[in-house]
Amino acid sequence: MKKRRAAPSLRASPDQPDLGRAGARRLAERIDLKVGFRCNNLCLFCVQGDKRERLPAKPAEELMRALRDGRAAGAEGVVFTGGEPTLHPAILPLVRRAKELGYGTIQLQSNGRTFCYERVVRDLVKAGANEFGPSLHGSRPEIHDFLTGAPGSFLQTVAGIRGIKKLGCRVITNTVVTKVNYRDLPAIAHLLVGLGVDQYQFAFMHLTGRAGQNKAWLAARKKIIEPWIKRGLDVGIRAGRTVMTEAIPYCFLSGYEDYAAEKVIPDTRIYDAETVIEDFTKTRRDEGKAKGPRCAACAYAAVCEGPWREYPELFGWDEFEPVSAKRGGKAV
C-alpha cells in the first residue's frame, strides 16, 4: 500500500489548475525570476533554445524591481532560475533582498553543480535561501553527463546535494524523462532517497528549444515510460518522501493520480527573458498543453491538462485512452 505523500513544495514548473476560481484573475502565490540564461551545462533537453547566446544576464536593478513588484502583488515565494542562477554576479544580494522583502520560500532552481562548493551554499543560506532545487538526470555519470553535455556534472551535483543536506536544508530535485534515462528512473530514485532529498519530481521533456531540435531521437512515448515512472515513484513513496510527476496526463497515472504536480503547483508570475507572464496557470493550460479528440470523455477531463502540445504533433493521439468513470473514482 502506498503511503500518503507529504505536502509538495512550491516548485517552479515551467513547473496550476484552480477550478474553483476559473475565469477570475488570480494573484500569484510566487514569482519565477529568470535572472539570465548563462549556463555551465549544455543539456540536450533544454527548453531555452539560443537565449544563452542572445541574451545577457538581466541587470540587478531590474531584478530587484521584479522582487519588489512581486511581493507588493502578494507573492509569498520566489524561485531564482535561468539558465543557471548561481552564475549571476548579483545572486547573493538578490537572495538577501528577497529575505528583506519577506518572501517565505526562497528557492534556487539550479543544475546543482556550484552547490558542490560548500562556501557557495553557506553564503546562499546566510543570505536567506531556504530551498534548493538541483536537477539529476541519471543514476551514474555516463547517463547524467551525456544528457547535460558536461563531463563531471554528475559528481558535482551529487556532491552538492550531499553538502546541502549536511547543512540541514530542504532539497527538491527534478529529473527530465527522456528516451535515454527512462529505464534508469528507479535507480535515480534510490540514489535520491539515499542522498536524503526531501522531494523529487519526474518531468516529461518539453519539446521546445534544444529539446525540440533533438525530439526525434530523444523523446520517449508516454506509454513506454509509464511503468518506469511508477517504479521510480514507488521508491520514494515507500521511503516516505514527497514524489511528483509533471506533464504526465492522468491516463498514464492509474493508481498514482495523487502524484500529478499540476493540481498543486501554485499560481505563478514568470519574469521571463523579455516579457512577464502574469498567470502561468492559464498560459500553460491554454497555450502550452493540448487535449486530444477523446479527452472530453475522460473521467479526469476537468483536471487533466493533457500533454505539452508538441508531443501529439510528434506521436499523435492514439495512446491517449480516456479513463472510465469507474476507474476514475480516485479523489482528485
C-alpha atoms as a PDB file:
ATOM      1  CA  MET A   1       0.000   0.000   0.000  1.00  0.00           C
ATOM      2  CA  LYS A   2       1.307   3.437  -0.918  1.00  0.00           C
ATOM      3  CA  LYS A   3       1.938   5.873   1.923  1.00  0.00           C
ATOM      4  CA  ARG A   4       0.281   9.257   1.784  1.00  0.00           C
ATOM      5  CA  ARG A   5       2.766  11.790   0.499  1.00  0.00           C
ATOM      6  CA  ALA A   6       3.772  14.919   2.344  1.00  0.00           C
ATOM      7  CA  ALA A   7       2.659  18.331   1.125  1.00  0.00           C
ATOM      8  CA  PRO A   8       4.620  19.207  -2.033  1.00  0.00           C
ATOM      9  CA  SER A   9       6.971  22.127  -2.292  1.00  0.00           C
ATOM     10  CA  LEU A  10       6.232  25.260  -4.276  1.00  0.00           C
ATOM     11  CA  ARG A  11       8.466  24.017  -7.043  1.00  0.00           C
ATOM     12  CA  ALA A  12       8.988  26.043 -10.169  1.00  0.00           C
ATOM     13  CA  SER A  13       7.322  24.441 -13.154  1.00  0.00           C
ATOM     14  CA  PRO A  14       7.858  25.971 -16.446  1.00  0.00           C
ATOM     15  CA  ASP A  15       6.999  23.765 -13.017  1.00  0.00           C
ATOM     16  CA  GLN A  16      -1.746  25.095 -11.571  1.00  0.00           C
ATOM     17  CA  PRO A  17      -5.323  24.349 -12.048  1.00  0.00           C
ATOM     18  CA  ASP A  18      -7.716  26.272  -9.814  1.00  0.00           C
ATOM     19  CA  LEU A  19     -11.141  25.214 -10.913  1.00  0.00           C
ATOM     20  CA  GLY A  20     -12.861  26.955  -8.032  1.00  0.00           C
ATOM     21  CA  ARG A  21     -11.745  30.332  -9.310  1.00  0.00           C
ATOM     22  CA  ALA A  22     -11.901  29.657 -13.038  1.00  0.00           C
ATOM     23  CA  GLY A  23     -12.215  32.812 -15.048  1.00  0.00           C
ATOM     24  CA  ALA A  24     -11.178  35.096 -12.196  1.00  0.00           C
ATOM     25  CA  ARG A  25      -7.867  36.964 -12.180  1.00  0.00           C
ATOM     26  CA  ARG A  26      -5.613  35.349  -9.583  1.00  0.00           C
ATOM     27  CA  LEU A  27      -2.801  36.832  -7.570  1.00  0.00           C
ATOM     28  CA  ALA A  28       0.484  34.980  -7.934  1.00  0.00           C
ATOM     29  CA  GLU A  29       1.454  32.920  -4.898  1.00  0.00           C
ATOM     30  CA  ARG A  30       5.055  33.029  -6.075  1.00  0.00           C
ATOM     31  CA  ILE A  31       7.224  34.534  -8.756  1.00  0.00           C
ATOM     32  CA  ASP A  32       9.627  32.738 -11.063  1.00  0.00           C
ATOM     33  CA  LEU A  33      12.528  35.106 -11.662  1.00  0.00           C
ATOM     34  CA  LYS A  34      14.757  34.210 -14.596  1.00  0.00           C
ATOM     35  CA  VAL A  35      17.943  36.093 -13.790  1.00  0.00           C
ATOM     36  CA  GLY A  36      19.713  35.241 -17.056  1.00  0.00           C
ATOM     37  CA  PHE A  37      20.377  32.345 -19.385  1.00  0.00           C
ATOM     38  CA  ARG A  38      24.086  31.735 -18.991  1.00  0.00           C
ATOM     39  CA  CYS A  39      24.675  28.101 -18.020  1.00  0.00           C
ATOM     40  CA  ASN A  40      27.603  25.761 -17.410  1.00  0.00           C
ATOM     41  CA  ASN A  41      25.624  22.795 -18.792  1.00  0.00           C
ATOM     42  CA  LEU A  42      24.502  22.246 -22.369  1.00  0.00           C
ATOM     43  CA  CYS A  43      21.544  19.948 -21.787  1.00  0.00           C
ATOM     44  CA  LEU A  44      20.125  18.050 -24.736  1.00  0.00           C
ATOM     45  CA  PHE A  45      16.597  18.702 -23.433  1.00  0.00           C
ATOM     46  CA  CYS A  46      16.991  22.416 -22.607  1.00  0.00           C
ATOM     47  CA  VAL A  47      13.862  24.442 -23.479  1.00  0.00           C
ATOM     48  CA  GLN A  48      15.630  27.809 -23.574  1.00  0.00           C
ATOM     49  CA  GLY A  49      16.992  27.436 -27.092  1.00  0.00           C
ATOM     50  CA  ASP A  50      19.506  30.110 -28.100  1.00  0.00           C
ATOM     51  CA  LYS A  51      18.734  32.532 -25.252  1.00  0.00           C
ATOM     52  CA  ARG A  52      22.108  31.783 -23.668  1.00  0.00           C
ATOM     53  CA  GLU A  53      23.829  33.148 -26.775  1.00  0.00           C
ATOM     54  CA  ARG A  54      21.427  36.041 -27.435  1.00  0.00           C
ATOM     55  CA  LEU A  55      20.646  37.459 -24.035  1.00  0.00           C
ATOM     56  CA  PRO A  56      22.956  38.834 -21.345  1.00  0.00           C
ATOM     57  CA  ALA A  57      22.268  38.498 -17.645  1.00  0.00           C
ATOM     58  CA  LYS A  58      19.497  40.796 -16.505  1.00  0.00           C
ATOM     59  CA  PRO A  59      20.644  43.929 -14.657  1.00  0.00           C
ATOM     60  CA  ALA A  60      20.435  43.660 -10.887  1.00  0.00           C
ATOM     61  CA  GLU A  61      18.250  46.776 -10.738  1.00  0.00           C
ATOM     62  CA  GLU A  62      15.633  45.179 -12.994  1.00  0.00           C
ATOM     63  CA  LEU A  63      15.610  42.018 -10.902  1.00  0.00           C
ATOM     64  CA  MET A  64      15.342  43.957  -7.653  1.00  0.00           C
ATOM     65  CA  ARG A  65      12.355  45.800  -9.093  1.00  0.00           C
ATOM     66  CA  ALA A  66      10.713  42.495 -10.015  1.00  0.00           C
ATOM     67  CA  LEU A  67      11.210  41.269  -6.456  1.00  0.00           C
ATOM     68  CA  ARG A  68       9.514  44.394  -5.094  1.00  0.00           C
ATOM     69  CA  ASP A  69       6.652  44.179  -7.583  1.00  0.00           C
ATOM     70  CA  GLY A  70       6.046  40.504  -6.887  1.00  0.00           C
ATOM     71  CA  ARG A  71       5.966  40.980  -3.148  1.00  0.00           C
ATOM     72  CA  ALA A  72       3.680  44.004  -3.460  1.00  0.00           C
ATOM     73  CA  ALA A  73       1.303  41.846  -5.503  1.00  0.00           C
ATOM     74  CA  GLY A  74       1.140  39.306  -2.689  1.00  0.00           C
ATOM     75  CA  ALA A  75       3.640  36.649  -3.763  1.00  0.00           C
ATOM     76  CA  GLU A  76       4.846  34.558  -0.825  1.00  0.00           C
ATOM     77  CA  GLY A  77       7.616  32.668  -2.631  1.00  0.00           C
ATOM     78  CA  VAL A  78      10.326  33.349  -5.181  1.00  0.00           C
ATOM     79  CA  VAL A  79      12.227  30.936  -7.391  1.00  0.00           C
ATOM     80  CA  PHE A  80      15.511  32.148  -8.843  1.00  0.00           C
ATOM     81  CA  THR A  81      16.100  30.334 -12.095  1.00  0.00           C
ATOM     82  CA  GLY A  82      17.533  30.796 -15.588  1.00  0.00           C
ATOM     83  CA  GLY A  83      19.834  29.471 -17.124  1.00  0.00           C
ATOM     84  CA  GLU A  84      21.941  28.784 -14.096  1.00  0.00           C
ATOM     85  CA  PRO A  85      21.038  31.385 -11.460  1.00  0.00           C
ATOM     86  CA  THR A  86      24.108  30.876  -9.275  1.00  0.00           C
ATOM     87  CA  LEU A  87      26.254  32.276 -12.097  1.00  0.00           C
ATOM     88  CA  HIS A  88      24.577  35.694 -11.900  1.00  0.00           C
ATOM     89  CA  PRO A  89      27.030  38.123 -10.250  1.00  0.00           C
ATOM     90  CA  ALA A  90      24.302  39.620  -8.031  1.00  0.00           C
ATOM     91  CA  ILE A  91      22.694  36.393  -6.858  1.00  0.00           C
ATOM     92  CA  LEU A  92      23.626  36.904  -3.191  1.00  0.00           C
ATOM     93  CA  PRO A  93      22.283  40.495  -2.995  1.00  0.00           C
ATOM     94  CA  LEU A  94      19.131  39.301  -4.782  1.00  0.00           C
ATOM     95  CA  VAL A  95      18.558  36.481  -2.301  1.00  0.00           C
ATOM     96  CA  ARG A  96      19.279  38.859   0.560  1.00  0.00           C
ATOM     97  CA  ARG A  97      16.765  41.365  -0.780  1.00  0.00           C
ATOM     98  CA  ALA A  98      14.127  38.646  -1.186  1.00  0.00           C
ATOM     99  CA  LYS A  99      14.530  37.823   2.503  1.00  0.00           C
ATOM    100  CA  GLU A 100      14.293  41.504   3.462  1.00  0.00           C
ATOM    101  CA  LEU A 101      11.073  41.844   1.478  1.00  0.00           C
ATOM    102  CA  GLY A 102       9.517  38.982   3.416  1.00  0.00           C
ATOM    103  CA  TYR A 103       9.392  36.130   0.918  1.00  0.00           C
ATOM    104  CA  GLY A 104       8.718  32.964   2.893  1.00  0.00           C
ATOM    105  CA  THR A 105      10.144  30.490   0.379  1.00  0.00           C
ATOM    106  CA  ILE A 106      13.358  31.452  -1.412  1.00  0.00           C
ATOM    107  CA  GLN A 107      14.409  28.729  -3.823  1.00  0.00           C
ATOM    108  CA  LEU A 108      17.388  28.326  -6.140  1.00  0.00           C
ATOM    109  CA  GLN A 109      16.423  26.157  -9.114  1.00  0.00           C
ATOM    110  CA  SER A 110      19.768  25.027 -10.442  1.00  0.00           C
ATOM    111  CA  ASN A 111      21.662  22.324 -12.277  1.00  0.00           C
ATOM    112  CA  GLY A 112      23.310  21.832  -8.882  1.00  0.00           C
ATOM    113  CA  ARG A 113      26.941  21.976  -9.938  1.00  0.00           C
ATOM    114  CA  THR A 114      28.007  25.065  -7.983  1.00  0.00           C
ATOM    115  CA  PHE A 115      26.410  23.591  -4.871  1.00  0.00           C
ATOM    116  CA  CYS A 116      29.421  21.276  -4.593  1.00  0.00           C
ATOM    117  CA  TYR A 117      31.307  24.277  -3.201  1.00  0.00           C
ATOM    118  CA  GLU A 118      30.389  24.471   0.484  1.00  0.00           C
ATOM    119  CA  ARG A 119      31.044  28.204   0.647  1.00  0.00           C
ATOM    120  CA  VAL A 120      28.530  28.870  -2.133  1.00  0.00           C
ATOM    121  CA  VAL A 121      25.772  27.042  -0.274  1.00  0.00           C
ATOM    122  CA  ARG A 122      26.679  28.590   3.081  1.00  0.00           C
ATOM    123  CA  ASP A 123      26.615  32.084   1.585  1.00  0.00           C
ATOM    124  CA  LEU A 124      23.242  31.457  -0.065  1.00  0.00           C
ATOM    125  CA  VAL A 125      21.760  30.119   3.178  1.00  0.00           C
ATOM    126  CA  LYS A 126      23.157  33.060   5.130  1.00  0.00           C
ATOM    127  CA  ALA A 127      21.621  35.425   2.574  1.00  0.00           C
ATOM    128  CA  GLY A 128      18.204  33.793   3.014  1.00  0.00           C
ATOM    129  CA  ALA A 129      17.852  30.829   0.654  1.00  0.00           C
ATOM    130  CA  ASN A 130      15.855  28.063   2.323  1.00  0.00           C
ATOM    131  CA  GLU A 131      15.143  25.660  -0.536  1.00  0.00           C
ATOM    132  CA  PHE A 132      17.432  24.201  -3.183  1.00  0.00           C
ATOM    133  CA  GLY A 133      16.276  22.636  -6.445  1.00  0.00           C
ATOM    134  CA  PRO A 134      19.123  20.788  -8.198  1.00  0.00           C
ATOM    135  CA  SER A 135      18.473  18.537 -11.187  1.00  0.00           C
ATOM    136  CA  LEU A 136      19.666  14.954 -11.564  1.00  0.00           C
ATOM    137  CA  HIS A 137      19.074  13.068 -14.801  1.00  0.00           C
ATOM    138  CA  GLY A 138      20.880   9.785 -14.283  1.00  0.00           C
ATOM    139  CA  SER A 139      21.974   7.434 -11.527  1.00  0.00           C
ATOM    140  CA  ARG A 140      25.522   7.357 -12.844  1.00  0.00           C
ATOM    141  CA  PRO A 141      27.843   9.738 -14.738  1.00  0.00           C
ATOM    142  CA  GLU A 142      27.562   8.167 -18.172  1.00  0.00           C
ATOM    143  CA  ILE A 143      23.823   8.920 -18.298  1.00  0.00           C
ATOM    144  CA  HIS A 144      23.634  12.246 -16.480  1.00  0.00           C
ATOM    145  CA  ASP A 145      26.747  13.748 -18.095  1.00  0.00           C
ATOM    146  CA  PHE A 146      25.635  12.681 -21.569  1.00  0.00           C
ATOM    147  CA  LEU A 147      22.289  14.431 -21.145  1.00  0.00           C
ATOM    148  CA  THR A 148      23.800  17.582 -19.621  1.00  0.00           C
ATOM    149  CA  GLY A 149      26.661  17.812 -22.108  1.00  0.00           C
ATOM    150  CA  ALA A 150      29.019  18.463 -19.183  1.00  0.00           C
ATOM    151  CA  PRO A 151      31.586  15.845 -18.118  1.00  0.00           C
ATOM    152  CA  GLY A 152      31.907  15.807 -14.348  1.00  0.00           C
ATOM    153  CA  SER A 153      28.484  17.345 -13.756  1.00  0.00           C
ATOM    154  CA  PHE A 154      27.102  14.204 -12.102  1.00  0.00           C
ATOM    155  CA  LEU A 155      29.778  14.130  -9.424  1.00  0.00           C
ATOM    156  CA  GLN A 156      29.413  17.851  -8.767  1.00  0.00           C
ATOM    157  CA  THR A 157      25.616  17.726  -8.497  1.00  0.00           C
ATOM    158  CA  VAL A 158      25.632  14.698  -6.199  1.00  0.00           C
ATOM    159  CA  ALA A 159      28.293  16.320  -4.026  1.00  0.00           C
ATOM    160  CA  GLY A 160      26.175  19.469  -3.950  1.00  0.00           C
ATOM    161  CA  ILE A 161      23.102  17.589  -2.741  1.00  0.00           C
ATOM    162  CA  ARG A 162      25.144  15.959  -0.001  1.00  0.00           C
ATOM    163  CA  GLY A 163      26.511  19.345   1.060  1.00  0.00           C
ATOM    164  CA  ILE A 164      23.090  20.974   1.187  1.00  0.00           C
ATOM    165  CA  LYS A 165      21.654  18.182   3.299  1.00  0.00           C
ATOM    166  CA  LYS A 166      24.696  18.350   5.576  1.00  0.00           C
ATOM    167  CA  LEU A 167      23.647  21.922   6.345  1.00  0.00           C
ATOM    168  CA  GLY A 168      20.112  20.725   7.092  1.00  0.00           C
ATOM    169  CA  CYS A 169      18.444  22.496   4.162  1.00  0.00           C
ATOM    170  CA  ARG A 170      15.482  21.366   2.094  1.00  0.00           C
ATOM    171  CA  VAL A 171      16.273  19.753  -1.269  1.00  0.00           C
ATOM    172  CA  ILE A 172      13.781  19.132  -4.057  1.00  0.00           C
ATOM    173  CA  THR A 173      15.055  17.683  -7.316  1.00  0.00           C
ATOM    174  CA  ASN A 174      13.863  17.448 -10.883  1.00  0.00           C
ATOM    175  CA  THR A 175      14.603  14.713 -13.405  1.00  0.00           C
ATOM    176  CA  VAL A 176      13.690  15.264 -17.054  1.00  0.00           C
ATOM    177  CA  VAL A 177      12.437  11.989 -18.531  1.00  0.00           C
ATOM    178  CA  THR A 178      13.890  11.097 -21.931  1.00  0.00           C
ATOM    179  CA  LYS A 179      14.451   8.044 -24.090  1.00  0.00           C
ATOM    180  CA  VAL A 180      17.992   7.910 -22.693  1.00  0.00           C
ATOM    181  CA  ASN A 181      17.128   7.698 -18.986  1.00  0.00           C
ATOM    182  CA  TYR A 182      13.575   6.377 -18.501  1.00  0.00           C
ATOM    183  CA  ARG A 183      14.755   2.858 -17.610  1.00  0.00           C
ATOM    184  CA  ASP A 184      17.080   4.447 -15.063  1.00  0.00           C
ATOM    185  CA  LEU A 185      14.296   6.193 -13.100  1.00  0.00           C
ATOM    186  CA  PRO A 186      14.067   3.586 -10.296  1.00  0.00           C
ATOM    187  CA  ALA A 187      17.847   3.723  -9.828  1.00  0.00           C
ATOM    188  CA  ILE A 188      17.756   7.532  -9.808  1.00  0.00           C
ATOM    189  CA  ALA A 189      15.035   7.378  -7.168  1.00  0.00           C
ATOM    190  CA  HIS A 190      17.100   5.016  -4.998  1.00  0.00           C
ATOM    191  CA  LEU A 191      20.064   7.374  -5.277  1.00  0.00           C
ATOM    192  CA  LEU A 192      17.979  10.421  -4.351  1.00  0.00           C
ATOM    193  CA  VAL A 193      16.433   8.694  -1.357  1.00  0.00           C
ATOM    194  CA  GLY A 194      19.906   7.633  -0.243  1.00  0.00           C
ATOM    195  CA  LEU A 195      21.091  11.226  -0.550  1.00  0.00           C
ATOM    196  CA  GLY A 196      18.265  12.323   1.729  1.00  0.00           C
ATOM    197  CA  VAL A 197      16.359  14.593  -0.651  1.00  0.00           C
ATOM    198  CA  ASP A 198      13.013  15.807   0.649  1.00  0.00           C
ATOM    199  CA  GLN A 199      11.193  15.670  -2.686  1.00  0.00           C
ATOM    200  CA  TYR A 200      11.846  14.538  -6.232  1.00  0.00           C
ATOM    201  CA  GLN A 201       9.936  15.002  -9.446  1.00  0.00           C
ATOM    202  CA  PHE A 202       9.914  13.232 -12.807  1.00  0.00           C
ATOM    203  CA  ALA A 203       9.085  15.728 -15.556  1.00  0.00           C
ATOM    204  CA  PHE A 204       8.405  14.734 -19.147  1.00  0.00           C
ATOM    205  CA  MET A 205      10.582  16.769 -21.504  1.00  0.00           C
ATOM    206  CA  HIS A 206       9.008  19.830 -23.116  1.00  0.00           C
ATOM    207  CA  LEU A 207       9.786  19.571 -26.821  1.00  0.00           C
ATOM    208  CA  THR A 208      10.908  23.147 -27.469  1.00  0.00           C
ATOM    209  CA  GLY A 209      14.335  24.774 -27.697  1.00  0.00           C
ATOM    210  CA  ARG A 210      17.162  22.240 -27.866  1.00  0.00           C
ATOM    211  CA  ALA A 211      14.697  19.567 -26.771  1.00  0.00           C
ATOM    212  CA  GLY A 212      12.677  20.339 -29.882  1.00  0.00           C
ATOM    213  CA  GLN A 213      15.762  20.030 -32.050  1.00  0.00           C
ATOM    214  CA  ASN A 214      16.522  16.615 -30.537  1.00  0.00           C
ATOM    215  CA  LYS A 215      12.975  15.321 -30.147  1.00  0.00           C
ATOM    216  CA  ALA A 216      13.093  12.782 -32.987  1.00  0.00           C
ATOM    217  CA  TRP A 217      15.592  10.620 -31.107  1.00  0.00           C
ATOM    218  CA  LEU A 218      15.352  11.891 -27.512  1.00  0.00           C
ATOM    219  CA  ALA A 219      11.612  11.893 -26.770  1.00  0.00           C
ATOM    220  CA  ALA A 220      10.095   8.657 -25.456  1.00  0.00           C
ATOM    221  CA  ARG A 221       6.479   7.588 -25.820  1.00  0.00           C
ATOM    222  CA  LYS A 222       4.491   8.050 -22.637  1.00  0.00           C
ATOM    223  CA  LYS A 223       3.033   4.553 -22.803  1.00  0.00           C
ATOM    224  CA  ILE A 224       6.535   3.087 -22.806  1.00  0.00           C
ATOM    225  CA  ILE A 225       7.819   5.137 -19.885  1.00  0.00           C
ATOM    226  CA  GLU A 226       4.683   4.640 -17.746  1.00  0.00           C
ATOM    227  CA  PRO A 227       5.824   1.531 -15.804  1.00  0.00           C
ATOM    228  CA  TRP A 228       9.263   3.019 -15.182  1.00  0.00           C
ATOM    229  CA  ILE A 229       7.750   6.255 -13.869  1.00  0.00           C
ATOM    230  CA  LYS A 230       5.636   4.258 -11.432  1.00  0.00           C
ATOM    231  CA  ARG A 231       8.545   2.116 -10.258  1.00  0.00           C
ATOM    232  CA  GLY A 232      10.535   5.281  -9.654  1.00  0.00           C
ATOM    233  CA  LEU A 233       7.695   6.848  -7.691  1.00  0.00           C
ATOM    234  CA  ASP A 234       7.297   3.690  -5.604  1.00  0.00           C
ATOM    235  CA  VAL A 235      10.849   4.039  -4.284  1.00  0.00           C
ATOM    236  CA  GLY A 236      10.108   7.439  -2.788  1.00  0.00           C
ATOM    237  CA  ILE A 237       6.621   6.519  -1.618  1.00  0.00           C
ATOM    238  CA  ARG A 238       7.986   3.577   0.375  1.00  0.00           C
ATOM    239  CA  ALA A 239      10.635   5.863   1.874  1.00  0.00           C
ATOM    240  CA  GLY A 240       8.049   8.451   2.906  1.00  0.00           C
ATOM    241  CA  ARG A 241       9.329  11.149   0.536  1.00  0.00           C
ATOM    242  CA  THR A 242       7.249  13.588  -1.463  1.00  0.00           C
ATOM    243  CA  VAL A 243       7.217  12.493  -5.114  1.00  0.00           C
ATOM    244  CA  MET A 244       5.624  14.185  -8.111  1.00  0.00           C
ATOM    245  CA  THR A 245       5.252  13.917 -11.862  1.00  0.00           C
ATOM    246  CA  GLU A 246       4.915  16.731 -14.380  1.00  0.00           C
ATOM    247  CA  ALA A 247       3.408  16.686 -17.877  1.00  0.00           C
ATOM    248  CA  ILE A 248       2.219  13.088 -17.451  1.00  0.00           C
ATOM    249  CA  PRO A 249      -1.545  13.009 -18.172  1.00  0.00           C
ATOM    250  CA  TYR A 250      -3.835  11.086 -15.836  1.00  0.00           C
ATOM    251  CA  CYS A 251      -4.453   8.308 -18.375  1.00  0.00           C
ATOM    252  CA  PHE A 252      -0.827   7.210 -17.729  1.00  0.00           C
ATOM    253  CA  LEU A 253      -1.076   7.524 -13.921  1.00  0.00           C
ATOM    254  CA  SER A 254      -3.550   4.796 -12.995  1.00  0.00           C
ATOM    255  CA  GLY A 255      -3.211   4.324  -9.241  1.00  0.00           C
ATOM    256  CA  TYR A 256      -0.808   7.256  -8.986  1.00  0.00           C
ATOM    257  CA  GLU A 257      -3.166  10.156  -9.641  1.00  0.00           C
ATOM    258  CA  ASP A 258      -2.228  11.791  -6.330  1.00  0.00           C
ATOM    259  CA  TYR A 259       1.266  12.460  -7.632  1.00  0.00           C
ATOM    260  CA  ALA A 260       0.391  14.731 -10.570  1.00  0.00           C
ATOM    261  CA  ALA A 261       2.095  18.060  -9.853  1.00  0.00           C
ATOM    262  CA  GLU A 262      -0.268  20.138 -11.975  1.00  0.00           C
ATOM    263  CA  LYS A 263      -3.015  20.067  -9.375  1.00  0.00           C
ATOM    264  CA  VAL A 264      -0.790  21.530  -6.641  1.00  0.00           C
ATOM    265  CA  ILE A 265       1.645  23.864  -8.435  1.00  0.00           C
ATOM    266  CA  PRO A 266       0.882  27.350  -7.115  1.00  0.00           C
ATOM    267  CA  ASP A 267      -0.180  30.319  -9.199  1.00  0.00           C
ATOM    268  CA  THR A 268       2.992  31.798 -10.626  1.00  0.00           C
ATOM    269  CA  ARG A 269       4.033  35.014 -12.307  1.00  0.00           C
ATOM    270  CA  ILE A 270       7.065  34.423 -14.527  1.00  0.00           C
ATOM    271  CA  TYR A 271       9.599  37.148 -15.260  1.00  0.00           C
ATOM    272  CA  ASP A 272      10.935  35.631 -18.457  1.00  0.00           C
ATOM    273  CA  ALA A 273      13.552  36.820 -20.918  1.00  0.00           C
ATOM    274  CA  GLU A 274      11.731  39.739 -22.489  1.00  0.00           C
ATOM    275  CA  THR A 275       8.237  39.508 -21.069  1.00  0.00           C
ATOM    276  CA  VAL A 276       6.228  38.865 -17.922  1.00  0.00           C
ATOM    277  CA  ILE A 277       3.733  36.002 -17.891  1.00  0.00           C
ATOM    278  CA  GLU A 278       1.169  37.190 -15.382  1.00  0.00           C
ATOM    279  CA  ASP A 279      -0.690  33.907 -14.948  1.00  0.00           C
ATOM    280  CA  PHE A 280       1.317  30.859 -15.914  1.00  0.00           C
ATOM    281  CA  THR A 281      -1.538  28.580 -14.900  1.00  0.00           C
ATOM    282  CA  LYS A 282      -3.702  29.986 -17.654  1.00  0.00           C
ATOM    283  CA  THR A 283      -0.873  30.243 -20.176  1.00  0.00           C
ATOM    284  CA  ARG A 284       0.222  26.677 -19.577  1.00  0.00           C
ATOM    285  CA  ARG A 285      -3.285  25.250 -19.804  1.00  0.00           C
ATOM    286  CA  ASP A 286      -4.489  27.357 -22.749  1.00  0.00           C
ATOM    287  CA  GLU A 287      -1.325  27.624 -24.837  1.00  0.00           C
ATOM    288  CA  GLY A 288       1.260  25.132 -23.609  1.00  0.00           C
ATOM    289  CA  LYS A 289      -0.822  21.966 -23.237  1.00  0.00           C
ATOM    290  CA  ALA A 290      -3.318  20.281 -25.571  1.00  0.00           C
ATOM    291  CA  LYS A 291      -6.303  17.942 -25.404  1.00  0.00           C
ATOM    292  CA  GLY A 292      -6.991  15.176 -27.891  1.00  0.00           C
ATOM    293  CA  PRO A 293     -10.172  14.166 -29.690  1.00  0.00           C
ATOM    294  CA  ARG A 294     -11.126  11.623 -26.985  1.00  0.00           C
ATOM    295  CA  CYS A 295     -10.058  13.596 -23.907  1.00  0.00           C
ATOM    296  CA  ALA A 296     -13.502  15.088 -23.295  1.00  0.00           C
ATOM    297  CA  ALA A 297     -14.826  11.595 -22.495  1.00  0.00           C
ATOM    298  CA  CYS A 298     -12.221  11.027 -19.769  1.00  0.00           C
ATOM    299  CA  ALA A 299     -13.169  10.990 -16.085  1.00  0.00           C
ATOM    300  CA  TYR A 300     -10.279  13.397 -15.466  1.00  0.00           C
ATOM    301  CA  ALA A 301     -11.170  15.837 -18.252  1.00  0.00           C
ATOM    302  CA  ALA A 302     -11.833  18.675 -15.795  1.00  0.00           C
ATOM    303  CA  VAL A 303      -8.457  18.456 -14.054  1.00  0.00           C
ATOM    304  CA  CYS A 304      -6.024  16.912 -16.521  1.00  0.00           C
ATOM    305  CA  GLU A 305      -4.143  19.417 -18.649  1.00  0.00           C
ATOM    306  CA  GLY A 306      -3.061  16.936 -21.305  1.00  0.00           C
ATOM    307  CA  PRO A 307       0.487  16.712 -22.694  1.00  0.00           C
ATOM    308  CA  TRP A 308       2.646  19.545 -23.933  1.00  0.00           C
ATOM    309  CA  ARG A 309       1.124  20.302 -27.315  1.00  0.00           C
ATOM    310  CA  GLU A 310       4.313  19.394 -29.193  1.00  0.00           C
ATOM    311  CA  TYR A 311       4.027  15.768 -28.040  1.00  0.00           C
ATOM    312  CA  PRO A 312       0.963  14.748 -30.131  1.00  0.00           C
ATOM    313  CA  GLU A 313       2.402  16.688 -33.046  1.00  0.00           C
ATOM    314  CA  LEU A 314       5.232  14.156 -32.933  1.00  0.00           C
ATOM    315  CA  PHE A 315       3.452  10.967 -31.827  1.00  0.00           C
ATOM    316  CA  GLY A 316      -0.251  11.555 -32.406  1.00  0.00           C
ATOM    317  CA  TRP A 317      -3.124  10.784 -30.022  1.00  0.00           C
ATOM    318  CA  ASP A 318      -3.545   7.010 -30.381  1.00  0.00           C
ATOM    319  CA  GLU A 319      -2.016   6.102 -26.999  1.00  0.00           C
ATOM    320  CA  PHE A 320      -4.272   8.501 -25.045  1.00  0.00           C
ATOM    321  CA  GLU A 321      -7.180   6.387 -23.824  1.00  0.00           C
ATOM    322  CA  PRO A 322      -9.977   8.064 -21.835  1.00  0.00           C
ATOM    323  CA  VAL A 323     -10.289   6.877 -18.254  1.00  0.00           C
ATOM    324  CA  SER A 324     -13.706   5.457 -17.464  1.00  0.00           C
ATOM    325  CA  ALA A 325     -15.714   6.902 -14.603  1.00  0.00           C
ATOM    326  CA  LYS A 326     -15.334   3.563 -12.825  1.00  0.00           C
ATOM    327  CA  ARG A 327     -11.536   3.712 -12.886  1.00  0.00           C
ATOM    328  CA  GLY A 328     -11.655   7.439 -12.288  1.00  0.00           C
ATOM    329  CA  GLY A 329     -13.157   7.066  -8.850  1.00  0.00           C
ATOM    330  CA  LYS A 330      -9.924   8.110  -7.137  1.00  0.00           C
ATOM    331  CA  ALA A 331     -10.186  11.535  -5.478  1.00  0.00           C
ATOM    332  CA  VAL A 332      -8.649  14.379  -7.442  1.00  0.00           C
END
